[in-house]
């Protein structure tokens, strides 16, 4: 039972680290796009952030689906 608690803590730590890295990359990408194209309008920056976030989410779901399919075939 104690091992399961440590495993859950480790899983939570990895998910927290992954979320932090994802947000940092998202912030960097949005900042790069806003700086490159000189987008200073706050509404434009929000639109860029939403589009980049949506594309990242779709990419994440695609990778997750491919991994799930691969693990189903391996079983």
PDB file of N, CA and C in Angstrom:
ATOM      1  N   UNK A   1       0.815  -1.194   0.000  1.00  0.00           N
ATOM      2  CA  UNK A   1       0.000   0.000   0.000  1.00  0.00           C
ATOM      3  C   UNK A   1       0.864   1.267   0.000  1.00  0.00           C
ATOM      4  N   UNK A   2       1.949   1.261   0.779  1.00  0.00           N
ATOM      5  CA  UNK A   2       2.798   2.446   0.856  1.00  0.00           C
ATOM      6  C   UNK A   2       3.450   2.723  -0.491  1.00  0.00           C
ATOM      7  N   UNK A   3       3.782   1.664  -1.224  1.00  0.00           N
ATOM      8  CA  UNK A   3       4.403   1.837  -2.534  1.00  0.00           C
ATOM      9  C   UNK A   3       3.441   2.529  -3.496  1.00  0.00           C
ATOM     10  N   UNK A   4       2.167   2.216  -3.403  1.00  0.00           N
ATOM     11  CA  UNK A   4       1.171   2.838  -4.278  1.00  0.00           C
ATOM     12  C   UNK A   4       1.058   4.329  -4.003  1.00  0.00           C
ATOM     13  N   UNK A   5       1.201   4.739  -2.753  1.00  0.00           N
ATOM     14  CA  UNK A   5       1.169   6.160  -2.414  1.00  0.00           C
ATOM     15  C   UNK A   5       2.349   6.895  -3.006  1.00  0.00           C
ATOM     16  N   UNK A   6       3.537   6.288  -2.938  1.00  0.00           N
ATOM     17  CA  UNK A   6       4.725   6.909  -3.527  1.00  0.00           C
ATOM     18  C   UNK A   6       4.582   6.990  -5.037  1.00  0.00           C
ATOM     19  N   UNK A   7       4.018   5.965  -5.637  1.00  0.00           N
ATOM     20  CA  UNK A   7       3.841   5.960  -7.073  1.00  0.00           C
ATOM     21  C   UNK A   7       2.875   7.066  -7.495  1.00  0.00           C
ATOM     22  N   UNK A   8       1.834   7.264  -6.714  1.00  0.00           N
ATOM     23  CA  UNK A   8       0.868   8.314  -7.014  1.00  0.00           C
ATOM     24  C   UNK A   8       1.512   9.689  -6.875  1.00  0.00           C
ATOM     25  N   UNK A   9       2.354   9.856  -5.856  1.00  0.00           N
ATOM     26  CA  UNK A   9       3.059  11.129  -5.681  1.00  0.00           C
ATOM     27  C   UNK A   9       4.019  11.382  -6.836  1.00  0.00           C
ATOM     28  N   UNK A  10       4.693  10.341  -7.283  1.00  0.00           N
ATOM     29  CA  UNK A  10       5.626  10.473  -8.395  1.00  0.00           C
ATOM     30  C   UNK A  10       4.878  10.814  -9.682  1.00  0.00           C
ATOM     31  N   UNK A  11       3.742  10.166  -9.892  1.00  0.00           N
ATOM     32  CA  UNK A  11       2.929  10.453 -11.078  1.00  0.00           C
ATOM     33  C   UNK A  11       2.445  11.899 -11.041  1.00  0.00           C
ATOM     34  N   UNK A  12       2.002  12.359  -9.873  1.00  0.00           N
ATOM     35  CA  UNK A  12       1.554  13.749  -9.734  1.00  0.00           C
ATOM     36  C   UNK A  12       2.693  14.714 -10.014  1.00  0.00           C
ATOM     37  N   UNK A  13       3.890  14.391  -9.534  1.00  0.00           N
ATOM     38  CA  UNK A  13       5.046  15.253  -9.768  1.00  0.00           C
ATOM     39  C   UNK A  13       5.389  15.321 -11.255  1.00  0.00           C
ATOM     40  N   UNK A  14       5.330  14.194 -11.937  1.00  0.00           N
ATOM     41  CA  UNK A  14       5.622  14.189 -13.366  1.00  0.00           C
ATOM     42  C   UNK A  14       4.574  14.964 -14.153  1.00  0.00           C
ATOM     43  N   UNK A  15       3.288  14.814 -13.804  1.00  0.00           N
ATOM     44  CA  UNK A  15       2.236  15.562 -14.482  1.00  0.00           C
ATOM     45  C   UNK A  15       2.378  17.062 -14.233  1.00  0.00           C
ATOM     46  N   UNK A  16       2.760  17.441 -13.010  1.00  0.00           N
ATOM     47  CA  UNK A  16       2.970  18.850 -12.692  1.00  0.00           C
ATOM     48  C   UNK A  16       4.142  19.405 -13.494  1.00  0.00           C
ATOM     49  N   UNK A  17       5.219  18.630 -13.585  1.00  0.00           N
ATOM     50  CA  UNK A  17       6.377  19.048 -14.371  1.00  0.00           C
ATOM     51  C   UNK A  17       6.019  19.176 -15.844  1.00  0.00           C
ATOM     52  N   UNK A  18       5.265  18.218 -16.371  1.00  0.00           N
ATOM     53  CA  UNK A  18       4.859  18.262 -17.777  1.00  0.00           C
ATOM     54  C   UNK A  18       3.968  19.473 -18.039  1.00  0.00           C
ATOM     55  N   UNK A  19       3.055  19.768 -17.142  1.00  0.00           N
ATOM     56  CA  UNK A  19       2.178  20.929 -17.311  1.00  0.00           C
ATOM     57  C   UNK A  19       2.983  22.227 -17.265  1.00  0.00           C
ATOM     58  N   UNK A  20       3.951  22.295 -16.385  1.00  0.00           N
ATOM     59  CA  UNK A  20       4.793  23.489 -16.288  1.00  0.00           C
ATOM     60  C   UNK A  20       5.596  23.696 -17.561  1.00  0.00           C
ATOM     61  N   UNK A  21       6.166  22.618 -18.087  1.00  0.00           N
ATOM     62  CA  UNK A  21       6.932  22.704 -19.330  1.00  0.00           C
ATOM     63  C   UNK A  21       6.023  23.102 -20.486  1.00  0.00           C
ATOM     64  N   UNK A  22       4.836  22.533 -20.538  1.00  0.00           N
ATOM     65  CA  UNK A  22       3.885  22.855 -21.604  1.00  0.00           C
ATOM     66  C   UNK A  22       3.493  24.333 -21.567  1.00  0.00           C
ATOM     67  N   UNK A  23       3.226  24.863 -20.376  1.00  0.00           N
ATOM     68  CA  UNK A  23       2.868  26.274 -20.255  1.00  0.00           C
ATOM     69  C   UNK A  23       4.053  27.165 -20.627  1.00  0.00           C
ATOM     70  N   UNK A  24       5.262  26.773 -20.253  1.00  0.00           N
ATOM     71  CA  UNK A  24       6.445  27.561 -20.611  1.00  0.00           C
ATOM     72  C   UNK A  24       6.647  27.591 -22.124  1.00  0.00           C
ATOM     73  N   UNK A  25       6.479  26.456 -22.779  1.00  0.00           N
ATOM     74  CA  UNK A  25       6.612  26.405 -24.234  1.00  0.00           C
ATOM     75  C   UNK A  25       5.510  27.216 -24.896  1.00  0.00           C
ATOM     76  N   UNK A  26       4.291  27.105 -24.383  1.00  0.00           N
ATOM     77  CA  UNK A  26       3.160  27.858 -24.924  1.00  0.00           C
ATOM     78  C   UNK A  26       3.419  29.363 -24.801  1.00  0.00           C
ATOM     79  N   UNK A  27       3.913  29.790 -23.640  1.00  0.00           N
ATOM     80  CA  UNK A  27       4.223  31.199 -23.421  1.00  0.00           C
ATOM     81  C   UNK A  27       5.310  31.676 -24.374  1.00  0.00           C
ATOM     82  N   UNK A  28       6.350  30.869 -24.531  1.00  0.00           N
ATOM     83  CA  UNK A  28       7.443  31.230 -25.433  1.00  0.00           C
ATOM     84  C   UNK A  28       6.944  31.352 -26.870  1.00  0.00           C
ATOM     85  N   UNK A  29       6.126  30.392 -27.315  1.00  0.00           N
ATOM     86  CA  UNK A  29       5.620  30.417 -28.693  1.00  0.00           C
ATOM     87  C   UNK A  29       4.740  31.638 -28.926  1.00  0.00           C
ATOM     88  N   UNK A  30       3.849  31.934 -27.983  1.00  0.00           N
ATOM     89  CA  UNK A  30       2.971  33.106 -28.136  1.00  0.00           C
ATOM     90  C   UNK A  30       3.782  34.396 -28.133  1.00  0.00           C
ATOM     91  N   UNK A  31       4.757  34.482 -27.246  1.00  0.00           N
ATOM     92  CA  UNK A  31       5.598  35.682 -27.185  1.00  0.00           C
ATOM     93  C   UNK A  31       6.394  35.844 -28.472  1.00  0.00           C
ATOM     94  N   UNK A  32       6.912  34.749 -29.003  1.00  0.00           N
ATOM     95  CA  UNK A  32       7.680  34.795 -30.244  1.00  0.00           C
ATOM     96  C   UNK A  32       6.806  35.265 -31.407  1.00  0.00           C
ATOM     97  N   UNK A  33       5.597  34.730 -31.496  1.00  0.00           N
ATOM     98  CA  UNK A  33       4.672  35.135 -32.576  1.00  0.00           C
ATOM     99  C   UNK A  33       4.288  36.604 -32.421  1.00  0.00           C
ATOM    100  N   UNK A  34       3.956  37.015 -31.196  1.00  0.00           N
ATOM    101  CA  UNK A  34       3.562  38.407 -30.977  1.00  0.00           C
ATOM    102  C   UNK A  34       4.708  39.364 -31.279  1.00  0.00           C
ATOM    103  N   UNK A  35       5.939  39.004 -30.937  1.00  0.00           N
ATOM    104  CA  UNK A  35       7.090  39.858 -31.203  1.00  0.00           C
ATOM    105  C   UNK A  35       7.441  39.869 -32.684  1.00  0.00           C
ATOM    106  N   UNK A  36       7.424  38.700 -33.312  1.00  0.00           N
ATOM    107  CA  UNK A  36       7.792  38.595 -34.722  1.00  0.00           C
ATOM    108  C   UNK A  36       6.852  39.400 -35.608  1.00  0.00           C
ATOM    109  N   UNK A  37       5.573  39.306 -35.357  1.00  0.00           N
ATOM    110  CA  UNK A  37       4.592  39.982 -36.197  1.00  0.00           C
ATOM    111  C   UNK A  37       4.121  41.310 -35.602  1.00  0.00           C
ATOM    112  N   UNK A  38       4.800  41.776 -34.554  1.00  0.00           N
ATOM    113  CA  UNK A  38       4.523  43.066 -33.919  1.00  0.00           C
ATOM    114  C   UNK A  38       3.039  43.209 -33.551  1.00  0.00           C
ATOM    115  N   UNK A  39       2.495  42.181 -32.917  1.00  0.00           N
ATOM    116  CA  UNK A  39       1.097  42.218 -32.475  1.00  0.00           C
ATOM    117  C   UNK A  39       1.070  42.869 -31.090  1.00  0.00           C
ATOM    118  N   UNK A  40       0.569  44.084 -31.033  1.00  0.00           N
ATOM    119  CA  UNK A  40       0.522  44.797 -29.750  1.00  0.00           C
ATOM    120  C   UNK A  40      -0.901  44.925 -29.234  1.00  0.00           C
ATOM    121  N   UNK A  41      -1.883  44.629 -30.054  1.00  0.00           N
ATOM    122  CA  UNK A  41      -3.281  44.686 -29.651  1.00  0.00           C
ATOM    123  C   UNK A  41      -3.561  43.519 -28.695  1.00  0.00           C
ATOM    124  N   UNK A  42      -4.067  43.797 -27.491  1.00  0.00           N
ATOM    125  CA  UNK A  42      -4.334  42.715 -26.531  1.00  0.00           C
ATOM    126  C   UNK A  42      -5.301  41.651 -27.065  1.00  0.00           C
ATOM    127  N   UNK A  43      -6.284  42.055 -27.860  1.00  0.00           N
ATOM    128  CA  UNK A  43      -7.223  41.078 -28.420  1.00  0.00           C
ATOM    129  C   UNK A  43      -6.488  40.164 -29.396  1.00  0.00           C
ATOM    130  N   UNK A  44      -5.603  40.747 -30.186  1.00  0.00           N
ATOM    131  CA  UNK A  44      -4.796  39.941 -31.113  1.00  0.00           C
ATOM    132  C   UNK A  44      -3.914  38.957 -30.372  1.00  0.00           C
ATOM    133  N   UNK A  45      -3.346  39.393 -29.254  1.00  0.00           N
ATOM    134  CA  UNK A  45      -2.498  38.502 -28.454  1.00  0.00           C
ATOM    135  C   UNK A  45      -3.307  37.364 -27.859  1.00  0.00           C
ATOM    136  N   UNK A  46      -4.524  37.651 -27.439  1.00  0.00           N
ATOM    137  CA  UNK A  46      -5.398  36.601 -26.893  1.00  0.00           C
ATOM    138  C   UNK A  46      -5.762  35.601 -27.989  1.00  0.00           C
ATOM    139  N   UNK A  47      -6.049  36.108 -29.183  1.00  0.00           N
ATOM    140  CA  UNK A  47      -6.374  35.217 -30.297  1.00  0.00           C
ATOM    141  C   UNK A  47      -5.186  34.319 -30.627  1.00  0.00           C
ATOM    142  N   UNK A  48      -3.975  34.889 -30.656  1.00  0.00           N
ATOM    143  CA  UNK A  48      -2.771  34.094 -30.912  1.00  0.00           C
ATOM    144  C   UNK A  48      -2.620  33.022 -29.830  1.00  0.00           C
ATOM    145  N   UNK A  49      -2.811  33.395 -28.572  1.00  0.00           N
ATOM    146  CA  UNK A  49      -2.672  32.434 -27.470  1.00  0.00           C
ATOM    147  C   UNK A  49      -3.693  31.303 -27.591  1.00  0.00           C
ATOM    148  N   UNK A  50      -4.928  31.645 -27.943  1.00  0.00           N
ATOM    149  CA  UNK A  50      -5.958  30.611 -28.083  1.00  0.00           C
ATOM    150  C   UNK A  50      -5.661  29.681 -29.253  1.00  0.00           C
ATOM    151  N   UNK A  51      -5.211  30.239 -30.370  1.00  0.00           N
ATOM    152  CA  UNK A  51      -4.903  29.406 -31.538  1.00  0.00           C
ATOM    153  C   UNK A  51      -3.728  28.483 -31.242  1.00  0.00           C
ATOM    154  N   UNK A  52      -2.665  29.024 -30.646  1.00  0.00           N
ATOM    155  CA  UNK A  52      -1.504  28.187 -30.311  1.00  0.00           C
ATOM    156  C   UNK A  52      -1.903  27.117 -29.294  1.00  0.00           C
ATOM    157  N   UNK A  53      -2.701  27.478 -28.301  1.00  0.00           N
ATOM    158  CA  UNK A  53      -3.155  26.504 -27.306  1.00  0.00           C
ATOM    159  C   UNK A  53      -4.014  25.416 -27.919  1.00  0.00           C
ATOM    160  N   UNK A  54      -4.902  25.797 -28.829  1.00  0.00           N
ATOM    161  CA  UNK A  54      -5.762  24.817 -29.489  1.00  0.00           C
ATOM    162  C   UNK A  54      -4.929  23.846 -30.332  1.00  0.00           C
ATOM    163  N   UNK A  55      -3.967  24.382 -31.083  1.00  0.00           N
ATOM    164  CA  UNK A  55      -3.112  23.519 -31.904  1.00  0.00           C
ATOM    165  C   UNK A  55      -2.266  22.580 -31.038  1.00  0.00           C
ATOM    166  N   UNK A  56      -1.758  23.089 -29.922  1.00  0.00           N
ATOM    167  CA  UNK A  56      -0.981  22.240 -29.013  1.00  0.00           C
ATOM    168  C   UNK A  56      -1.860  21.141 -28.419  1.00  0.00           C
ATOM    169  N   UNK A  57      -3.089  21.475 -28.061  1.00  0.00           N
ATOM    170  CA  UNK A  57      -4.012  20.485 -27.511  1.00  0.00           C
ATOM    171  C   UNK A  57      -4.323  19.405 -28.541  1.00  0.00           C
ATOM    172  N   UNK A  58      -4.574  19.818 -29.796  1.00  0.00           N
ATOM    173  CA  UNK A  58      -4.862  18.843 -30.855  1.00  0.00           C
ATOM    174  C   UNK A  58      -3.658  17.936 -31.094  1.00  0.00           C
ATOM    175  N   UNK A  59      -2.460  18.518 -31.088  1.00  0.00           N
ATOM    176  CA  UNK A  59      -1.246  17.722 -31.268  1.00  0.00           C
ATOM    177  C   UNK A  59      -1.081  16.728 -30.119  1.00  0.00           C
ATOM    178  N   UNK A  60      -1.329  17.178 -28.895  1.00  0.00           N
ATOM    179  CA  UNK A  60      -1.242  16.298 -27.736  1.00  0.00           C
ATOM    180  C   UNK A  60      -2.238  15.140 -27.851  1.00  0.00           C
ATOM    181  N   UNK A  61      -3.464  15.439 -28.271  1.00  0.00           N
ATOM    182  CA  UNK A  61      -4.481  14.389 -28.411  1.00  0.00           C
ATOM    183  C   UNK A  61      -4.097  13.405 -29.512  1.00  0.00           C
ATOM    184  N   UNK A  62      -3.525  13.899 -30.607  1.00  0.00           N
ATOM    185  CA  UNK A  62      -3.086  13.027 -31.685  1.00  0.00           C
ATOM    186  C   UNK A  62      -1.971  12.092 -31.219  1.00  0.00           C
ATOM    187  N   UNK A  63      -0.996  12.632 -30.514  1.00  0.00           N
ATOM    188  CA  UNK A  63       0.108  11.808 -29.996  1.00  0.00           C
ATOM    189  C   UNK A  63      -0.423  10.784 -28.998  1.00  0.00           C
ATOM    190  N   UNK A  64      -1.346  11.209 -28.140  1.00  0.00           N
ATOM    191  CA  UNK A  64      -1.924  10.295 -27.146  1.00  0.00           C
ATOM    192  C   UNK A  64      -2.678   9.156 -27.829  1.00  0.00           C
ATOM    193  N   UNK A  65      -3.439   9.482 -28.872  1.00  0.00           N
ATOM    194  CA  UNK A  65      -4.196   8.459 -29.597  1.00  0.00           C
ATOM    195  C   UNK A  65      -3.262   7.474 -30.291  1.00  0.00           C
ATOM    196  N   UNK A  66      -2.188   7.986 -30.884  1.00  0.00           N
ATOM    197  CA  UNK A  66      -1.212   7.111 -31.549  1.00  0.00           C
ATOM    198  C   UNK A  66      -0.539   6.189 -30.531  1.00  0.00           C
ATOM    199  N   UNK A  67      -0.182   6.715 -29.385  1.00  0.00           N
ATOM    200  CA  UNK A  67       0.441   5.899 -28.342  1.00  0.00           C
ATOM    201  C   UNK A  67      -0.528   4.839 -27.838  1.00  0.00           C
ATOM    202  N   UNK A  68      -1.785   5.208 -27.691  1.00  0.00           N
ATOM    203  CA  UNK A  68      -2.794   4.255 -27.224  1.00  0.00           C
ATOM    204  C   UNK A  68      -2.978   3.133 -28.258  1.00  0.00           C
ATOM    205  N   UNK A  69      -3.030   3.517 -29.536  1.00  0.00           N
ATOM    206  CA  UNK A  69      -3.163   2.525 -30.597  1.00  0.00           C
ATOM    207  C   UNK A  69      -1.973   1.583 -30.631  1.00  0.00           C
ATOM    208  N   UNK A  70      -0.778   2.154 -30.463  1.00  0.00           N
ATOM    209  CA  UNK A  70       0.444   1.353 -30.482  1.00  0.00           C
ATOM    210  C   UNK A  70       0.472   0.380 -29.303  1.00  0.00           C
ATOM    211  N   UNK A  71       0.016   0.836 -28.134  1.00  0.00           N
ATOM    212  CA  UNK A  71       0.019  -0.039 -26.951  1.00  0.00           C
ATOM    213  C   UNK A  71      -1.055  -1.116 -27.078  1.00  0.00           C
ATOM    214  N   UNK A  72      -2.164  -0.816 -27.766  1.00  0.00           N
ATOM    215  CA  UNK A  72      -3.198  -1.829 -27.983  1.00  0.00           C
ATOM    216  C   UNK A  72      -2.721  -2.921 -28.932  1.00  0.00           C
ATOM    217  N   UNK A  73      -1.949  -2.545 -29.931  1.00  0.00           N
ATOM    218  CA  UNK A  73      -1.413  -3.537 -30.870  1.00  0.00           C
ATOM    219  C   UNK A  73      -0.319  -4.386 -30.236  1.00  0.00           C
ATOM    220  N   UNK A  74       0.405  -3.818 -29.279  1.00  0.00           N
ATOM    221  CA  UNK A  74       1.486  -4.555 -28.624  1.00  0.00           C
ATOM    222  C   UNK A  74       0.947  -5.610 -27.664  1.00  0.00           C
ATOM    223  N   UNK A  75      -0.262  -5.409 -27.160  1.00  0.00           N
ATOM    224  CA  UNK A  75      -0.831  -6.337 -26.169  1.00  0.00           C
ATOM    225  C   UNK A  75      -1.230  -7.649 -26.752  1.00  0.00           C
TER     226      UNK A  75
END
